Every structure is written in C-alpha cells, then in structure tokens.
C-alpha atoms as a PDB file:
ATOM      1  CA  MET A   1     -16.880   0.331  -8.688  1.00  0.00           C
ATOM      2  CA  SER A   2     -16.288   3.412  -6.559  1.00  0.00           C
ATOM      3  CA  LEU A   3     -16.686   3.018  -2.799  1.00  0.00           C
ATOM      4  CA  PRO A   4     -16.761   5.750  -0.129  1.00  0.00           C
ATOM      5  CA  ARG A   5     -13.717   4.240   1.612  1.00  0.00           C
ATOM      6  CA  ASP A   6     -11.491   1.201   1.334  1.00  0.00           C
ATOM      7  CA  THR A   7     -13.531  -1.953   1.911  1.00  0.00           C
ATOM      8  CA  LEU A   8     -12.111  -5.138   3.376  1.00  0.00           C
ATOM      9  CA  PHE A   9     -13.917  -8.404   2.660  1.00  0.00           C
ATOM     10  CA  LEU A  10     -13.352 -11.278   5.093  1.00  0.00           C
ATOM     11  CA  LEU A  11     -14.932 -14.719   5.388  1.00  0.00           C
ATOM     12  CA  HIS A  12     -17.138 -15.925   8.230  1.00  0.00           C
ATOM     13  CA  ASP A  13     -16.304 -19.349   9.603  1.00  0.00           C
ATOM     14  CA  TYR A  14     -17.956 -22.098   7.604  1.00  0.00           C
ATOM     15  CA  ALA A  15     -18.990 -25.732   7.553  1.00  0.00           C
ATOM     16  CA  ASP A  16     -17.391 -27.633   4.682  1.00  0.00           C
ATOM     17  CA  PRO A  17     -19.507 -30.556   3.478  1.00  0.00           C
ATOM     18  CA  ALA A  18     -16.438 -32.013   1.768  1.00  0.00           C
ATOM     19  CA  HIS A  19     -14.959 -32.510   5.255  1.00  0.00           C
ATOM     20  CA  GLY A  20     -17.920 -34.000   7.090  1.00  0.00           C
ATOM     21  CA  GLY A  21     -19.510 -30.636   7.792  1.00  0.00           C
ATOM     22  CA  ASP A  22     -16.763 -29.641  10.232  1.00  0.00           C
ATOM     23  CA  THR A  23     -16.449 -25.913  10.881  1.00  0.00           C
ATOM     24  CA  PHE A  24     -13.365 -24.105   9.595  1.00  0.00           C
ATOM     25  CA  TYR A  25     -11.965 -20.600   9.358  1.00  0.00           C
ATOM     26  CA  CYS A  26      -9.927 -19.002   6.599  1.00  0.00           C
ATOM     27  CA  GLU A  27      -6.353 -18.782   7.880  1.00  0.00           C
ATOM     28  CA  ALA A  28      -5.537 -15.673   5.835  1.00  0.00           C
ATOM     29  CA  CYS A  29      -8.742 -13.928   6.950  1.00  0.00           C
ATOM     30  CA  MET A  30      -8.039 -14.822  10.570  1.00  0.00           C
ATOM     31  CA  THR A  31      -4.567 -13.288  10.270  1.00  0.00           C
ATOM     32  CA  VAL A  32      -6.168 -10.048   9.081  1.00  0.00           C
ATOM     33  CA  GLU A  33      -8.817 -10.267  11.835  1.00  0.00           C
ATOM     34  CA  GLY A  34      -5.989 -10.409  14.383  1.00  0.00           C
ATOM     35  CA  VAL A  35      -4.335  -7.320  12.902  1.00  0.00           C
ATOM     36  CA  LEU A  36      -7.661  -5.455  12.957  1.00  0.00           C
ATOM     37  CA  ALA A  37      -8.293  -6.442  16.582  1.00  0.00           C
ATOM     38  CA  THR A  38      -4.810  -5.315  17.597  1.00  0.00           C
ATOM     39  CA  TYR A  39      -5.170  -1.893  15.943  1.00  0.00           C
ATOM     40  CA  PRO A  40      -8.860  -0.957  16.326  1.00  0.00           C
ATOM     41  CA  ASP A  41      -8.271   2.763  15.731  1.00  0.00           C
ATOM     42  CA  LEU A  42      -6.730   2.000  12.337  1.00  0.00           C
ATOM     43  CA  ALA A  43      -9.380  -0.621  11.568  1.00  0.00           C
ATOM     44  CA  ALA A  44     -12.053   2.043  12.075  1.00  0.00           C
ATOM     45  CA  ARG A  45     -10.837   3.697   8.856  1.00  0.00           C
ATOM     46  CA  LEU A  46     -12.045   0.715   6.838  1.00  0.00           C
ATOM     47  CA  GLU A  47     -15.415  -0.587   5.800  1.00  0.00           C
ATOM     48  CA  ILE A  48     -15.268  -4.225   6.945  1.00  0.00           C
ATOM     49  CA  VAL A  49     -17.651  -6.718   5.355  1.00  0.00           C
ATOM     50  CA  ARG A  50     -17.767 -10.339   6.468  1.00  0.00           C
ATOM     51  CA  VAL A  51     -19.203 -12.625   3.817  1.00  0.00           C
ATOM     52  CA  PRO A  52     -20.322 -16.264   3.795  1.00  0.00           C
ATOM     53  CA  TRP A  53     -17.875 -18.850   2.506  1.00  0.00           C
ATOM     54  CA  PRO A  54     -19.946 -20.418  -0.313  1.00  0.00           C
ATOM     55  CA  ARG A  55     -19.525 -18.965  -3.775  1.00  0.00           C
ATOM     56  CA  PRO A  56     -20.720 -16.875  -5.384  1.00  0.00           C
ATOM     57  CA  ARG A  57     -19.925 -14.258  -2.762  1.00  0.00           C
ATOM     58  CA  ALA A  58     -22.394 -11.670  -3.985  1.00  0.00           C
ATOM     59  CA  GLU A  59     -20.943  -8.585  -2.278  1.00  0.00           C
ATOM     60  CA  VAL A  60     -17.428  -9.425  -3.454  1.00  0.00           C
ATOM     61  CA  VAL A  61     -18.658 -10.102  -6.998  1.00  0.00           C
ATOM     62  CA  VAL A  62     -20.375  -6.704  -7.117  1.00  0.00           C
ATOM     63  CA  ALA A  63     -17.207  -4.968  -5.909  1.00  0.00           C
ATOM     64  CA  ILE A  64     -14.490  -6.720  -7.952  1.00  0.00           C
ATOM     65  CA  GLY A  65     -16.019  -9.338 -10.243  1.00  0.00           C
ATOM     66  CA  GLU A  66     -16.863 -13.020 -10.197  1.00  0.00           C
ATOM     67  CA  GLU A  67     -13.304 -14.046 -11.060  1.00  0.00           C
ATOM     68  CA  ASN A  68     -11.908 -12.242  -7.978  1.00  0.00           C
ATOM     69  CA  GLN A  69     -13.767 -13.832  -5.051  1.00  0.00           C
ATOM     70  CA  ASN A  70     -10.700 -14.776  -2.991  1.00  0.00           C
ATOM     71  CA  CYS A  71     -10.686 -13.387   0.531  1.00  0.00           C
ATOM     72  CA  PRO A  72      -9.309 -11.482   2.241  1.00  0.00           C
ATOM     73  CA  ALA A  73      -9.831  -8.777  -0.358  1.00  0.00           C
ATOM     74  CA  LEU A  74      -9.134  -5.085   0.133  1.00  0.00           C
ATOM     75  CA  VAL A  75     -10.995  -2.959  -2.408  1.00  0.00           C
ATOM     76  CA  PHE A  76      -9.655   0.560  -2.823  1.00  0.00           C
ATOM     77  CA  ALA A  77     -12.130   3.448  -2.691  1.00  0.00           C
ATOM     78  CA  GLU A  78     -10.798   4.897  -5.945  1.00  0.00           C
ATOM     79  CA  GLY A  79     -10.765   1.515  -7.726  1.00  0.00           C
ATOM     80  CA  GLY A  80      -8.430  -1.457  -7.756  1.00  0.00           C
ATOM     81  CA  PHE A  81      -7.941  -4.153  -5.159  1.00  0.00           C
ATOM     82  CA  VAL A  82      -5.653  -6.778  -3.660  1.00  0.00           C
ATOM     83  CA  ASN A  83      -6.896 -10.216  -2.659  1.00  0.00           C
ATOM     84  CA  ASP A  84      -3.904 -12.143  -1.407  1.00  0.00           C
ATOM     85  CA  LEU A  85      -2.628 -12.017   2.169  1.00  0.00           C
ATOM     86  CA  PRO A  86       0.770 -10.375   1.506  1.00  0.00           C
ATOM     87  CA  GLY A  87      -0.866  -7.767  -0.736  1.00  0.00           C
ATOM     88  CA  VAL A  88      -3.612  -7.002   1.774  1.00  0.00           C
ATOM     89  CA  LEU A  89      -1.135  -6.621   4.650  1.00  0.00           C
ATOM     90  CA  GLU A  90       1.117  -4.363   2.566  1.00  0.00           C
ATOM     91  CA  ALA A  91      -1.829  -2.228   1.437  1.00  0.00           C
ATOM     92  CA  LEU A  92      -3.040  -1.909   5.033  1.00  0.00           C
ATOM     93  CA  HIS A  93       0.429  -0.615   5.916  1.00  0.00           C
ATOM     94  CA  VAL A  94       0.842   1.773   2.984  1.00  0.00           C
ATOM     95  CA  ARG A  95      -2.723   3.072   2.841  1.00  0.00           C
ATOM     96  CA  HIS A  96      -3.760   3.023   6.501  1.00  0.00           C
ATOM     97  CA  GLY A  97      -0.640   3.023   8.675  1.00  0.00           C
ATOM     98  CA  PHE A  98      -0.821  -0.524  10.063  1.00  0.00           C
ATOM     99  CA  PRO A  99       2.593  -1.917  10.982  1.00  0.00           C
ATOM    100  CA  ARG A 100       4.120  -4.450   8.609  1.00  0.00           C
ATOM    101  CA  PRO A 101       4.587  -8.093   9.563  1.00  0.00           C
ATOM    102  CA  HIS A 102       8.145  -8.929  10.581  1.00  0.00           C
ATOM    103  CA  PRO A 103      10.126 -10.429   7.698  1.00  0.00           C
END
C-alpha cells in the first residue's frame, strides 16, 4: 500500500474484559505519544491514526495486513513498516529527525 506520507498507528486506551473491564493503555504506544508531544513540529510530518484496541484493527489491516496488527506501527509512505517499539523509535529518528532514546 502506498501512502502520501509515513503513517503512525497508535492504540486508544481500552477496557479489557479479561481484567474486569478496567481501562488500560498500551505502554509502547504511550511512549511514542510522549515523544510526539515533546516534538510537535516533527510529529506534524506524520499522519497519526489512533485505532481501537480490539482486533481486527481495520485501518492497520488495510495498511500492512492482518498478521501485522501490533501497535505502535509506523508504515512508510513508499512501502514497508516497523511495528515494535525499538524499530518505531529508530525509524522516527532516521526518517524524521526525532532524537534517539538514551541507551
């Protein structure tokens, strides 16, 4: 799938029925949300899509396939993607100039 610019998929908070319906957030997505909030000028370069937690995550499936629904997911405009936290943070650095996390 070709997109006009890199697209970042993040999860909304969610109620998990397996845990009494308590509301949770995705720790990896929240890490990325913090980076985006800290560098809003860089974040403006991205298309940011927040999707519901339950699967299937239709917008993610359309972009990168049913087998790749993990979030956060950064889908590259020219094709390809990363959907693990270290990969997303590294791609944000390399492709968009965000600082790297301290080792």
